[in-house]
C-alpha atoms as a PDB file:
ATOM      1  CA  MET A   1       3.048 -17.388   9.922  1.00  0.00           C
ATOM      2  CA  THR A   2       5.034 -14.171   9.799  1.00  0.00           C
ATOM      3  CA  ALA A   3       7.404 -14.944  12.678  1.00  0.00           C
ATOM      4  CA  GLY A   4      11.018 -14.186  11.951  1.00  0.00           C
ATOM      5  CA  PHE A   5      10.300 -10.984  10.042  1.00  0.00           C
ATOM      6  CA  GLN A   6      11.534  -7.657  11.329  1.00  0.00           C
ATOM      7  CA  LEU A   7       9.635  -4.517  10.352  1.00  0.00           C
ATOM      8  CA  ARG A   8      11.285  -1.135  10.088  1.00  0.00           C
ATOM      9  CA  ALA A   9      10.889   2.242   8.443  1.00  0.00           C
ATOM     10  CA  ALA A  10      12.541   2.602   5.053  1.00  0.00           C
ATOM     11  CA  ARG A  11      15.452   5.005   4.669  1.00  0.00           C
ATOM     12  CA  ALA A  12      16.839   6.833   1.644  1.00  0.00           C
ATOM     13  CA  GLN A  13      19.524   4.177   1.188  1.00  0.00           C
ATOM     14  CA  ASP A  14      16.763   1.551   0.739  1.00  0.00           C
ATOM     15  CA  ILE A  15      15.211   3.196  -2.329  1.00  0.00           C
ATOM     16  CA  GLU A  16      17.154   1.306  -5.008  1.00  0.00           C
ATOM     17  CA  SER A  17      16.533  -2.075  -3.403  1.00  0.00           C
ATOM     18  CA  LEU A  18      12.828  -1.218  -3.004  1.00  0.00           C
ATOM     19  CA  ALA A  19      12.638  -0.318  -6.698  1.00  0.00           C
ATOM     20  CA  GLY A  20      14.352  -3.530  -7.746  1.00  0.00           C
ATOM     21  CA  PHE A  21      12.094  -5.530  -5.457  1.00  0.00           C
ATOM     22  CA  ILE A  22       8.822  -4.055  -6.701  1.00  0.00           C
ATOM     23  CA  PHE A  23       9.798  -4.524 -10.342  1.00  0.00           C
ATOM     24  CA  GLU A  24      10.722  -8.145  -9.617  1.00  0.00           C
ATOM     25  CA  HIS A  25       7.841  -9.148  -7.330  1.00  0.00           C
ATOM     26  CA  GLY A  26       5.092  -6.613  -8.084  1.00  0.00           C
ATOM     27  CA  PRO A  27       4.222  -7.183 -11.751  1.00  0.00           C
ATOM     28  CA  ASN A  28       1.095  -9.182 -12.414  1.00  0.00           C
ATOM     29  CA  PRO A  29      -1.911  -8.659 -14.671  1.00  0.00           C
ATOM     30  CA  TRP A  30      -3.607  -6.503 -12.026  1.00  0.00           C
ATOM     31  CA  ASN A  31      -0.880  -4.051 -11.023  1.00  0.00           C
ATOM     32  CA  PHE A  32      -0.072  -0.736 -12.692  1.00  0.00           C
ATOM     33  CA  LEU A  33       3.655  -0.109 -12.226  1.00  0.00           C
ATOM     34  CA  PRO A  34       5.003   2.488 -14.689  1.00  0.00           C
ATOM     35  CA  GLU A  35       8.721   2.579 -13.959  1.00  0.00           C
ATOM     36  CA  ALA A  36       9.268   6.352 -14.008  1.00  0.00           C
ATOM     37  CA  GLU A  37       6.285   7.029 -11.750  1.00  0.00           C
ATOM     38  CA  VAL A  38       7.196   4.256  -9.314  1.00  0.00           C
ATOM     39  CA  ARG A  39      10.804   5.484  -9.086  1.00  0.00           C
ATOM     40  CA  GLU A  40       9.620   9.069  -8.558  1.00  0.00           C
ATOM     41  CA  HIS A  41       7.247   7.878  -5.837  1.00  0.00           C
ATOM     42  CA  LEU A  42       9.965   5.880  -4.069  1.00  0.00           C
ATOM     43  CA  GLY A  43      12.286   8.887  -4.351  1.00  0.00           C
ATOM     44  CA  GLY A  44       9.832  10.656  -2.067  1.00  0.00           C
ATOM     45  CA  ILE A  45      11.207   8.554   0.785  1.00  0.00           C
ATOM     46  CA  ALA A  46      14.471  10.521   0.641  1.00  0.00           C
ATOM     47  CA  GLU A  47      12.529  13.788   0.538  1.00  0.00           C
ATOM     48  CA  GLY A  48      10.257  12.848   3.452  1.00  0.00           C
ATOM     49  CA  ARG A  49       7.004  13.117   1.457  1.00  0.00           C
ATOM     50  CA  VAL A  50       6.574   9.325   1.286  1.00  0.00           C
ATOM     51  CA  GLN A  51       7.010   6.818   4.094  1.00  0.00           C
ATOM     52  CA  ALA A  52       7.509   3.084   3.814  1.00  0.00           C
ATOM     53  CA  CYS A  53       7.467   0.144   6.169  1.00  0.00           C
ATOM     54  CA  LEU A  54       9.549  -2.806   5.092  1.00  0.00           C
ATOM     55  CA  ALA A  55       9.856  -6.378   6.273  1.00  0.00           C
ATOM     56  CA  GLU A  56      13.169  -8.190   6.367  1.00  0.00           C
ATOM     57  CA  GLN A  57      14.054 -11.770   7.154  1.00  0.00           C
ATOM     58  CA  ALA A  58      17.677 -12.599   7.899  1.00  0.00           C
ATOM     59  CA  GLY A  59      18.614  -9.192   6.485  1.00  0.00           C
ATOM     60  CA  ARG A  60      16.825  -9.770   3.157  1.00  0.00           C
ATOM     61  CA  LEU A  61      13.914  -7.692   1.935  1.00  0.00           C
ATOM     62  CA  ALA A  62      10.655  -9.674   2.109  1.00  0.00           C
ATOM     63  CA  GLY A  63       8.086  -6.963   1.364  1.00  0.00           C
ATOM     64  CA  PHE A  64       7.138  -3.347   1.858  1.00  0.00           C
ATOM     65  CA  VAL A  65       4.274  -0.857   1.883  1.00  0.00           C
ATOM     66  CA  THR A  66       4.536   2.824   0.922  1.00  0.00           C
ATOM     67  CA  PHE A  67       2.181   5.535   2.140  1.00  0.00           C
ATOM     68  CA  HIS A  68       1.735   9.270   2.547  1.00  0.00           C
ATOM     69  CA  ARG A  69      -0.641  11.833   3.966  1.00  0.00           C
ATOM     70  CA  CYS A  70      -2.999  13.175   1.318  1.00  0.00           C
ATOM     71  CA  GLU A  71      -5.780  15.628   0.562  1.00  0.00           C
ATOM     72  CA  ALA A  72      -7.521  13.249  -1.859  1.00  0.00           C
ATOM     73  CA  PHE A  73     -10.653  11.197  -1.110  1.00  0.00           C
ATOM     74  CA  ALA A  74     -12.521  13.930   0.788  1.00  0.00           C
ATOM     75  CA  GLU A  75     -15.677  12.867  -1.081  1.00  0.00           C
ATOM     76  CA  ASP A  76     -15.194   9.322   0.260  1.00  0.00           C
ATOM     77  CA  GLN A  77     -14.710  10.385   3.867  1.00  0.00           C
ATOM     78  CA  ASP A  78     -17.704  10.417   6.215  1.00  0.00           C
ATOM     79  CA  GLY A  79     -19.011  13.980   6.401  1.00  0.00           C
ATOM     80  CA  THR A  80     -18.544  14.115  10.164  1.00  0.00           C
ATOM     81  CA  ARG A  81     -14.861  13.235   9.747  1.00  0.00           C
ATOM     82  CA  GLY A  82     -13.925  15.811   7.107  1.00  0.00           C
ATOM     83  CA  ASP A  83     -11.555  17.619   9.445  1.00  0.00           C
ATOM     84  CA  LEU A  84      -9.503  14.474  10.123  1.00  0.00           C
ATOM     85  CA  PRO A  85      -6.276  13.937   8.183  1.00  0.00           C
ATOM     86  CA  ARG A  86      -6.266  11.288   5.450  1.00  0.00           C
ATOM     87  CA  ALA A  87      -3.553   9.007   4.134  1.00  0.00           C
ATOM     88  CA  TYR A  88      -3.117   6.886   1.035  1.00  0.00           C
ATOM     89  CA  ILE A  89      -1.349   3.547   0.875  1.00  0.00           C
ATOM     90  CA  CYS A  90       0.338   3.468  -2.508  1.00  0.00           C
ATOM     91  CA  GLU A  91       2.325   0.289  -2.991  1.00  0.00           C
ATOM     92  CA  ALA A  92       2.120  -3.018  -1.149  1.00  0.00           C
ATOM     93  CA  VAL A  93       4.346  -5.832  -2.365  1.00  0.00           C
ATOM     94  CA  VAL A  94       5.525  -9.113  -0.864  1.00  0.00           C
ATOM     95  CA  HIS A  95       8.134 -11.538  -2.176  1.00  0.00           C
ATOM     96  CA  ARG A  96       6.414 -14.001  -4.535  1.00  0.00           C
ATOM     97  CA  GLU A  97       7.417 -17.007  -2.441  1.00  0.00           C
ATOM     98  CA  LEU A  98       5.858 -15.440   0.667  1.00  0.00           C
ATOM     99  CA  ALA A  99       2.473 -14.514  -0.821  1.00  0.00           C
ATOM    100  CA  GLY A 100      -0.538 -15.752   1.118  1.00  0.00           C
ATOM    101  CA  ARG A 101       1.258 -16.098   4.454  1.00  0.00           C
ATOM    102  CA  GLY A 102      -0.072 -12.935   6.074  1.00  0.00           C
ATOM    103  CA  LEU A 103       2.997 -10.747   5.632  1.00  0.00           C
ATOM    104  CA  GLY A 104       1.135  -8.203   3.497  1.00  0.00           C
ATOM    105  CA  SER A 105      -1.622  -7.890   6.090  1.00  0.00           C
ATOM    106  CA  ARG A 106       0.975  -7.548   8.844  1.00  0.00           C
ATOM    107  CA  LEU A 107       2.705  -4.753   6.919  1.00  0.00           C
ATOM    108  CA  LEU A 108      -0.613  -2.981   6.325  1.00  0.00           C
ATOM    109  CA  ALA A 109      -1.463  -3.240  10.031  1.00  0.00           C
ATOM    110  CA  ALA A 110       1.928  -1.765  10.967  1.00  0.00           C
ATOM    111  CA  VAL A 111       1.396   1.113   8.544  1.00  0.00           C
ATOM    112  CA  VAL A 112      -2.088   1.791   9.914  1.00  0.00           C
ATOM    113  CA  GLU A 113      -0.665   1.811  13.453  1.00  0.00           C
ATOM    114  CA  ARG A 114       2.023   4.283  12.390  1.00  0.00           C
ATOM    115  CA  LEU A 115      -0.542   6.518  10.658  1.00  0.00           C
ATOM    116  CA  ALA A 116      -2.816   6.462  13.714  1.00  0.00           C
ATOM    117  CA  ALA A 117       0.134   7.595  15.845  1.00  0.00           C
ATOM    118  CA  GLN A 118       0.578  10.472  13.378  1.00  0.00           C
ATOM    119  CA  GLY A 119      -3.036  11.554  13.900  1.00  0.00           C
ATOM    120  CA  VAL A 120      -4.488  10.222  10.642  1.00  0.00           C
ATOM    121  CA  GLY A 121      -8.193   9.426  10.865  1.00  0.00           C
ATOM    122  CA  ASP A 122      -8.911   7.706   7.552  1.00  0.00           C
ATOM    123  CA  VAL A 123      -6.710   5.543   5.334  1.00  0.00           C
ATOM    124  CA  PHE A 124      -7.430   4.748   1.679  1.00  0.00           C
ATOM    125  CA  ILE A 125      -5.973   2.149  -0.663  1.00  0.00           C
ATOM    126  CA  GLU A 126      -6.826   1.020  -4.207  1.00  0.00           C
ATOM    127  CA  ARG A 127      -6.633  -2.264  -6.094  1.00  0.00           C
ATOM    128  CA  HIS A 128      -7.794  -3.782  -9.357  1.00  0.00           C
ATOM    129  CA  GLU A 129     -11.411  -4.840  -8.908  1.00  0.00           C
ATOM    130  CA  GLU A 130     -10.538  -8.474  -9.707  1.00  0.00           C
ATOM    131  CA  ASN A 131      -7.285  -8.786  -7.739  1.00  0.00           C
ATOM    132  CA  ALA A 132      -8.355 -11.432  -5.224  1.00  0.00           C
ATOM    133  CA  GLY A 133      -4.963 -11.553  -3.479  1.00  0.00           C
ATOM    134  CA  SER A 134      -4.956  -7.823  -2.759  1.00  0.00           C
ATOM    135  CA  ALA A 135      -8.627  -7.939  -1.790  1.00  0.00           C
ATOM    136  CA  GLY A 136      -7.914 -10.616   0.821  1.00  0.00           C
ATOM    137  CA  MET A 137      -4.883  -8.792   2.201  1.00  0.00           C
ATOM    138  CA  MET A 138      -6.853  -5.564   2.534  1.00  0.00           C
ATOM    139  CA  ARG A 139      -9.848  -7.298   4.086  1.00  0.00           C
ATOM    140  CA  LYS A 140      -7.615  -9.040   6.675  1.00  0.00           C
ATOM    141  CA  ALA A 141      -6.159  -5.646   7.578  1.00  0.00           C
ATOM    142  CA  GLY A 142      -9.663  -4.250   8.164  1.00  0.00           C
ATOM    143  CA  PHE A 143     -10.246  -2.272   4.966  1.00  0.00           C
ATOM    144  CA  ARG A 144     -13.722  -2.173   3.435  1.00  0.00           C
ATOM    145  CA  GLU A 145     -14.699  -1.456  -0.145  1.00  0.00           C
ATOM    146  CA  VAL A 146     -16.011   2.058  -0.768  1.00  0.00           C
ATOM    147  CA  ARG A 147     -16.599   2.182  -4.513  1.00  0.00           C
ATOM    148  CA  THR A 148     -15.473   0.721  -7.816  1.00  0.00           C
ATOM    149  CA  PHE A 149     -14.922   2.821 -10.915  1.00  0.00           C
ATOM    150  CA  ASP A 150     -13.788   2.517 -14.529  1.00  0.00           C
ATOM    151  CA  ASP A 151     -10.029   3.045 -14.764  1.00  0.00           C
ATOM    152  CA  PRO A 152      -8.859   1.900 -18.222  1.00  0.00           C
ATOM    153  CA  GLU A 153      -5.663   3.982 -18.144  1.00  0.00           C
ATOM    154  CA  ARG A 154      -4.308   2.098 -15.130  1.00  0.00           C
ATOM    155  CA  ARG A 155      -6.121  -1.213 -15.550  1.00  0.00           C
ATOM    156  CA  ALA A 156      -5.328  -2.876 -18.865  1.00  0.00           C
ATOM    157  CA  THR A 157      -6.785  -6.295 -18.040  1.00  0.00           C
ATOM    158  CA  GLY A 158      -9.999  -7.869 -16.832  1.00  0.00           C
ATOM    159  CA  SER A 159     -12.785  -5.485 -15.881  1.00  0.00           C
ATOM    160  CA  ARG A 160     -10.395  -2.507 -16.198  1.00  0.00           C
ATOM    161  CA  ARG A 161     -11.844  -1.137 -12.974  1.00  0.00           C
ATOM    162  CA  THR A 162     -10.350   0.032  -9.676  1.00  0.00           C
ATOM    163  CA  THR A 163     -11.822  -0.583  -6.233  1.00  0.00           C
ATOM    164  CA  LEU A 164     -11.181   2.021  -3.549  1.00  0.00           C
ATOM    165  CA  CYS A 165     -11.013   0.692   0.011  1.00  0.00           C
ATOM    166  CA  HIS A 166     -11.089   2.561   3.313  1.00  0.00           C
ATOM    167  CA  LEU A 167     -10.170   2.016   6.937  1.00  0.00           C
ATOM    168  CA  ARG A 168     -11.384   4.275   9.722  1.00  0.00           C
ATOM    169  CA  VAL A 169      -8.470   4.698  12.120  1.00  0.00           C
ATOM    170  CA  GLY A 170      -9.557   7.150  14.776  1.00  0.00           C
END
């Protein structure tokens, strides 16, 4: 279902189109997308502290996932794996008209493959507890739920809770 899409690493010159895309296709009742923070995060692509994998079809942006190595989530990592590097997947967005076709899962899988090649052992990602679309995408990519916690500052709707998910890479 995702034939015809080309995946590639994002470059600094992609940042503005990524920002426009996420603000057009990312907003829904479940997502927390404060503009200044999202733009600052995407700016990290130019600085090399954030990576992104994007999907294009006929030269048009169809979706992307951002990620970076992190020190967070040590308490959620298996004790025997504490010396392995961790990464966090920050943003995952697909064009509205392409939702449910497997592109998000394909992007997540490509990111996980890239992180494994970089020596990352554990990958973490978060979603609103009630976001069924994100839950399905993460499950298809192999992530499992670790814990759910109150998060009223980032989750203004529904349960107002965040679910942390994990994938063991190495």
